[in-house]
Amino acid sequence: MTREEILGKVRNIIVNHFDIEAEKVTENLNIKADLDADSISIMEFVLELEDEFGTEISDEDAEKIETVGAAVDYITNNL
């Protein structure tokens, strides 16, 4: 799976989970600050990533994922 394909899937998860327009989801989008995501929303987002990509993201690693780009990089490096 290419990085671009992963970005598209992450973008779709964010659009559906946070009810935001797809064009606003850039790699620099900060999940916590820009989406006003609380810890529960972030945890649900991480669970959706795990389901979509069939991977496990440790709590420690999840805390480091602050932007869309960071989420894509993590998945790219751990698939």
C-alpha atoms as a PDB file:
ATOM      1  CA  MET A   1       0.000   0.000   0.000  1.00  0.00           C
ATOM      2  CA  THR A   2       1.416   3.396  -0.967  1.00  0.00           C
ATOM      3  CA  ARG A   3       1.684   6.361   1.365  1.00  0.00           C
ATOM      4  CA  GLU A   4      -0.918   8.144  -0.751  1.00  0.00           C
ATOM      5  CA  GLU A   5      -3.384   5.255  -0.347  1.00  0.00           C
ATOM      6  CA  ILE A   6      -2.807   5.266   3.407  1.00  0.00           C
ATOM      7  CA  LEU A   7      -3.366   9.037   3.517  1.00  0.00           C
ATOM      8  CA  GLY A   8      -6.662   8.586   1.651  1.00  0.00           C
ATOM      9  CA  LYS A   9      -7.879   5.985   4.132  1.00  0.00           C
ATOM     10  CA  VAL A  10      -6.786   8.072   7.135  1.00  0.00           C
ATOM     11  CA  ARG A  11      -8.522  11.089   5.588  1.00  0.00           C
ATOM     12  CA  ASN A  12     -11.756   9.088   5.196  1.00  0.00           C
ATOM     13  CA  ILE A  13     -11.614   7.958   8.823  1.00  0.00           C
ATOM     14  CA  ILE A  14     -11.153  11.550   9.993  1.00  0.00           C
ATOM     15  CA  VAL A  15     -13.940  12.851   7.748  1.00  0.00           C
ATOM     16  CA  ASN A  16     -16.365  10.267   9.117  1.00  0.00           C
ATOM     17  CA  HIS A  17     -15.216  10.347  12.728  1.00  0.00           C
ATOM     18  CA  PHE A  18     -14.862  14.107  13.209  1.00  0.00           C
ATOM     19  CA  ASP A  19     -17.446  15.284  10.651  1.00  0.00           C
ATOM     20  CA  ILE A  20     -15.056  17.538   8.722  1.00  0.00           C
ATOM     21  CA  GLU A  21     -14.785  18.249   4.997  1.00  0.00           C
ATOM     22  CA  ALA A  22     -12.188  16.098   3.215  1.00  0.00           C
ATOM     23  CA  GLU A  23     -10.396  19.095   1.689  1.00  0.00           C
ATOM     24  CA  LYS A  24      -9.628  20.417   5.188  1.00  0.00           C
ATOM     25  CA  VAL A  25      -7.813  17.203   6.128  1.00  0.00           C
ATOM     26  CA  THR A  26      -4.156  17.915   5.348  1.00  0.00           C
ATOM     27  CA  GLU A  27      -1.044  16.221   6.669  1.00  0.00           C
ATOM     28  CA  ASN A  28      -0.445  19.224   8.941  1.00  0.00           C
ATOM     29  CA  LEU A  29      -3.892  19.004  10.558  1.00  0.00           C
ATOM     30  CA  ASN A  30      -3.406  18.636  14.320  1.00  0.00           C
ATOM     31  CA  ILE A  31      -5.890  16.059  15.547  1.00  0.00           C
ATOM     32  CA  LYS A  32      -6.188  17.429  19.068  1.00  0.00           C
ATOM     33  CA  ALA A  33      -5.963  21.181  18.441  1.00  0.00           C
ATOM     34  CA  ASP A  34      -7.593  21.586  15.021  1.00  0.00           C
ATOM     35  CA  LEU A  35     -10.404  19.069  15.588  1.00  0.00           C
ATOM     36  CA  ASP A  36     -10.994  19.834  19.284  1.00  0.00           C
ATOM     37  CA  ALA A  37     -10.588  16.109  19.917  1.00  0.00           C
ATOM     38  CA  ASP A  38     -10.731  14.937  23.503  1.00  0.00           C
ATOM     39  CA  SER A  39      -8.958  11.824  24.778  1.00  0.00           C
ATOM     40  CA  ILE A  40     -11.987   9.614  24.067  1.00  0.00           C
ATOM     41  CA  SER A  41     -12.278  10.842  20.464  1.00  0.00           C
ATOM     42  CA  ILE A  42      -8.570  10.282  19.937  1.00  0.00           C
ATOM     43  CA  MET A  43      -8.780   6.775  21.399  1.00  0.00           C
ATOM     44  CA  GLU A  44     -11.720   5.952  19.095  1.00  0.00           C
ATOM     45  CA  PHE A  45      -9.775   7.360  16.133  1.00  0.00           C
ATOM     46  CA  VAL A  46      -6.771   5.157  16.993  1.00  0.00           C
ATOM     47  CA  LEU A  47      -9.063   2.106  17.273  1.00  0.00           C
ATOM     48  CA  GLU A  48     -10.480   2.883  13.826  1.00  0.00           C
ATOM     49  CA  LEU A  49      -6.935   3.113  12.438  1.00  0.00           C
ATOM     50  CA  GLU A  50      -6.117  -0.263  13.981  1.00  0.00           C
ATOM     51  CA  ASP A  51      -9.237  -1.829  12.458  1.00  0.00           C
ATOM     52  CA  GLU A  52      -8.686  -0.290   9.031  1.00  0.00           C
ATOM     53  CA  PHE A  53      -5.030  -1.241   8.738  1.00  0.00           C
ATOM     54  CA  GLY A  54      -4.980  -4.445  10.797  1.00  0.00           C
ATOM     55  CA  THR A  55      -2.255  -3.170  13.086  1.00  0.00           C
ATOM     56  CA  GLU A  56      -1.886  -2.461  16.776  1.00  0.00           C
ATOM     57  CA  ILE A  57      -0.891   0.969  18.023  1.00  0.00           C
ATOM     58  CA  SER A  58       0.434   1.061  21.571  1.00  0.00           C
ATOM     59  CA  ASP A  59      -0.864   3.758  23.925  1.00  0.00           C
ATOM     60  CA  GLU A  60       2.643   5.207  24.017  1.00  0.00           C
ATOM     61  CA  ASP A  61       2.793   5.449  20.219  1.00  0.00           C
ATOM     62  CA  ALA A  62      -0.773   6.780  20.003  1.00  0.00           C
ATOM     63  CA  GLU A  63       0.171   9.704  22.246  1.00  0.00           C
ATOM     64  CA  LYS A  64       2.909  10.667  19.752  1.00  0.00           C
ATOM     65  CA  ILE A  65       0.478  10.834  16.822  1.00  0.00           C
ATOM     66  CA  GLU A  66      -0.488  14.492  16.814  1.00  0.00           C
ATOM     67  CA  THR A  67      -1.031  15.217  13.128  1.00  0.00           C
ATOM     68  CA  VAL A  68      -2.543  13.444  10.150  1.00  0.00           C
ATOM     69  CA  GLY A  69       0.949  13.189   8.646  1.00  0.00           C
ATOM     70  CA  ALA A  70       2.248  11.533  11.827  1.00  0.00           C
ATOM     71  CA  ALA A  71      -0.579   8.979  11.665  1.00  0.00           C
ATOM     72  CA  VAL A  72       0.222   8.224   8.016  1.00  0.00           C
ATOM     73  CA  ASP A  73       3.947   7.930   8.787  1.00  0.00           C
ATOM     74  CA  TYR A  74       3.270   5.579  11.701  1.00  0.00           C
ATOM     75  CA  ILE A  75       1.065   3.302   9.614  1.00  0.00           C
ATOM     76  CA  THR A  76       3.465   3.388   6.656  1.00  0.00           C
ATOM     77  CA  ASN A  77       6.349   2.350   8.912  1.00  0.00           C
ATOM     78  CA  ASN A  78       4.423  -0.328  10.811  1.00  0.00           C
ATOM     79  CA  LEU A  79       2.449  -2.201   8.146  1.00  0.00           C
END
